[in-house]
Amino acid sequence: FSLALTGSATVFANTAINTIILDAVSSGIVTTANIALPDSPADRQTIKIVSAAQITNANVYGPSGEQVKWVPSDTFSAGNIAVSLTYIDSSSTWYRS
């Protein structure tokens, strides 16, 4: 699914989502985006996060509220960035893939 964001926003992904496309309203810069990954992901589930806009501070969180380590908050600061994440059930961890 795709969203047009302003200022700061929180995005919740569910298990049916496999791509999230983020953009800014009026070609602006998004100051903060909090992206919550599914609470009950399937083993090897993959989610792609695409940001057309510059996002100054993007926080990607796993099912327990922990920040995904391999996606630093400045990952999307330049805009036009795509990140794929894969969930591995045996370690209960999202990995950048």
C-alpha atoms as a PDB file:
ATOM      1  CA  PHE A   1       0.000   0.000   0.000  1.00  0.00           C
ATOM      2  CA  SER A   2       1.107   3.609  -0.374  1.00  0.00           C
ATOM      3  CA  LEU A   3       0.778   6.614   1.917  1.00  0.00           C
ATOM      4  CA  ALA A   4       1.318  10.339   1.516  1.00  0.00           C
ATOM      5  CA  LEU A   5       2.786  11.669   4.753  1.00  0.00           C
ATOM      6  CA  THR A   6       3.177  15.106   6.301  1.00  0.00           C
ATOM      7  CA  GLY A   7       5.324  16.165   9.252  1.00  0.00           C
ATOM      8  CA  SER A   8       5.458  12.970  11.265  1.00  0.00           C
ATOM      9  CA  ALA A   9       3.399   9.816  11.020  1.00  0.00           C
ATOM     10  CA  THR A  10       3.036   6.252  12.271  1.00  0.00           C
ATOM     11  CA  VAL A  11       2.468   3.402   9.821  1.00  0.00           C
ATOM     12  CA  PHE A  12       1.225  -0.025  10.934  1.00  0.00           C
ATOM     13  CA  ALA A  13       1.822  -2.988   8.604  1.00  0.00           C
ATOM     14  CA  ASN A  14      -0.212  -6.170   8.900  1.00  0.00           C
ATOM     15  CA  THR A  15       0.612  -9.657   7.648  1.00  0.00           C
ATOM     16  CA  ALA A  16      -1.170  -9.034   4.326  1.00  0.00           C
ATOM     17  CA  ILE A  17       1.196  -6.171   3.436  1.00  0.00           C
ATOM     18  CA  ASN A  18       4.310  -6.950   1.387  1.00  0.00           C
ATOM     19  CA  THR A  19       5.206  -3.448   0.142  1.00  0.00           C
ATOM     20  CA  ILE A  20       4.892  -0.063   1.834  1.00  0.00           C
ATOM     21  CA  ILE A  21       5.445   3.009  -0.334  1.00  0.00           C
ATOM     22  CA  LEU A  22       5.910   6.284   1.516  1.00  0.00           C
ATOM     23  CA  ASP A  23       5.869   9.733  -0.048  1.00  0.00           C
ATOM     24  CA  ALA A  24       5.428  13.293   1.180  1.00  0.00           C
ATOM     25  CA  VAL A  25       2.485  15.543   0.511  1.00  0.00           C
ATOM     26  CA  SER A  26       3.466  18.468  -1.752  1.00  0.00           C
ATOM     27  CA  SER A  27       7.023  17.186  -2.259  1.00  0.00           C
ATOM     28  CA  GLY A  28       7.908  18.070   1.321  1.00  0.00           C
ATOM     29  CA  ILE A  29      10.265  16.362   3.727  1.00  0.00           C
ATOM     30  CA  VAL A  30       8.824  14.014   6.333  1.00  0.00           C
ATOM     31  CA  THR A  31      10.421  14.728   9.702  1.00  0.00           C
ATOM     32  CA  THR A  32       9.576  11.429  11.426  1.00  0.00           C
ATOM     33  CA  ALA A  33       8.022   8.158  10.283  1.00  0.00           C
ATOM     34  CA  ASN A  34       7.447   5.302  12.715  1.00  0.00           C
ATOM     35  CA  ILE A  35       6.879   2.038  10.859  1.00  0.00           C
ATOM     36  CA  ALA A  36       5.518  -0.873  12.899  1.00  0.00           C
ATOM     37  CA  LEU A  37       6.019  -4.301  11.326  1.00  0.00           C
ATOM     38  CA  PRO A  38       3.386  -7.074  11.751  1.00  0.00           C
ATOM     39  CA  ASP A  39       2.744  -8.483  15.230  1.00  0.00           C
ATOM     40  CA  SER A  40       2.545 -12.095  14.015  1.00  0.00           C
ATOM     41  CA  PRO A  41       4.703 -12.388  10.904  1.00  0.00           C
ATOM     42  CA  ALA A  42       5.030 -15.675   9.059  1.00  0.00           C
ATOM     43  CA  ASP A  43       8.420 -17.357   8.816  1.00  0.00           C
ATOM     44  CA  ARG A  44      10.357 -15.841   5.886  1.00  0.00           C
ATOM     45  CA  GLN A  45       7.737 -13.144   5.357  1.00  0.00           C
ATOM     46  CA  THR A  46       9.242 -10.270   3.382  1.00  0.00           C
ATOM     47  CA  ILE A  47       8.241  -6.620   3.498  1.00  0.00           C
ATOM     48  CA  LYS A  48       9.693  -3.965   1.228  1.00  0.00           C
ATOM     49  CA  ILE A  49       9.671  -0.364   2.459  1.00  0.00           C
ATOM     50  CA  VAL A  50      10.085   2.237  -0.273  1.00  0.00           C
ATOM     51  CA  SER A  51      10.456   5.935   0.437  1.00  0.00           C
ATOM     52  CA  ALA A  52      10.129   8.359  -2.454  1.00  0.00           C
ATOM     53  CA  ALA A  53      10.365  11.268  -0.004  1.00  0.00           C
ATOM     54  CA  GLN A  54      13.178  12.289   2.268  1.00  0.00           C
ATOM     55  CA  ILE A  55      12.454  11.076   5.798  1.00  0.00           C
ATOM     56  CA  THR A  56      14.719  12.721   8.365  1.00  0.00           C
ATOM     57  CA  ASN A  57      14.102  10.153  11.104  1.00  0.00           C
ATOM     58  CA  ALA A  58      12.538   6.784  10.184  1.00  0.00           C
ATOM     59  CA  ASN A  59      12.082   4.235  12.946  1.00  0.00           C
ATOM     60  CA  VAL A  60      11.252   0.667  11.921  1.00  0.00           C
ATOM     61  CA  TYR A  61       9.954  -1.494  14.767  1.00  0.00           C
ATOM     62  CA  GLY A  62       9.522  -5.255  15.083  1.00  0.00           C
ATOM     63  CA  PRO A  63       6.604  -7.153  16.646  1.00  0.00           C
ATOM     64  CA  SER A  64       7.762  -6.539  20.224  1.00  0.00           C
ATOM     65  CA  GLY A  65       8.394  -2.827  19.715  1.00  0.00           C
ATOM     66  CA  GLU A  66      12.149  -3.250  19.302  1.00  0.00           C
ATOM     67  CA  GLN A  67      13.823  -1.125  16.637  1.00  0.00           C
ATOM     68  CA  VAL A  68      15.089  -3.192  13.692  1.00  0.00           C
ATOM     69  CA  LYS A  69      18.883  -2.981  14.072  1.00  0.00           C
ATOM     70  CA  TRP A  70      19.808  -3.108  10.416  1.00  0.00           C
ATOM     71  CA  VAL A  71      17.697  -0.114   9.449  1.00  0.00           C
ATOM     72  CA  PRO A  72      19.233   2.991  11.065  1.00  0.00           C
ATOM     73  CA  SER A  73      16.898   5.972  11.527  1.00  0.00           C
ATOM     74  CA  ASP A  74      18.663   7.934   8.757  1.00  0.00           C
ATOM     75  CA  THR A  75      18.262   5.172   6.121  1.00  0.00           C
ATOM     76  CA  PHE A  76      15.615   7.115   4.177  1.00  0.00           C
ATOM     77  CA  SER A  77      17.088  10.612   4.660  1.00  0.00           C
ATOM     78  CA  ALA A  78      18.074  10.995   0.981  1.00  0.00           C
ATOM     79  CA  GLY A  79      14.731   9.781  -0.412  1.00  0.00           C
ATOM     80  CA  ASN A  80      14.256   7.295  -3.271  1.00  0.00           C
ATOM     81  CA  ILE A  81      15.406   4.415  -1.053  1.00  0.00           C
ATOM     82  CA  ALA A  82      14.058   0.850  -0.849  1.00  0.00           C
ATOM     83  CA  VAL A  83      14.729  -1.605   1.977  1.00  0.00           C
ATOM     84  CA  SER A  84      13.614  -5.251   2.093  1.00  0.00           C
ATOM     85  CA  LEU A  85      13.189  -7.074   5.389  1.00  0.00           C
ATOM     86  CA  THR A  86      12.688 -10.794   5.959  1.00  0.00           C
ATOM     87  CA  TYR A  87      11.362 -12.308   9.184  1.00  0.00           C
ATOM     88  CA  ILE A  88      13.070 -15.466  10.502  1.00  0.00           C
ATOM     89  CA  ASP A  89      10.839 -17.255  12.987  1.00  0.00           C
ATOM     90  CA  SER A  90      13.590 -19.349  14.636  1.00  0.00           C
ATOM     91  CA  SER A  91      15.296 -16.161  15.893  1.00  0.00           C
ATOM     92  CA  SER A  92      12.127 -14.015  16.102  1.00  0.00           C
ATOM     93  CA  THR A  93      14.009 -11.366  14.138  1.00  0.00           C
ATOM     94  CA  TRP A  94      13.536  -9.179  11.065  1.00  0.00           C
ATOM     95  CA  TYR A  95      16.682  -9.115   8.929  1.00  0.00           C
ATOM     96  CA  ARG A  96      17.527  -6.659   6.193  1.00  0.00           C
ATOM     97  CA  SER A  97      17.643  -8.720   3.011  1.00  0.00           C
END
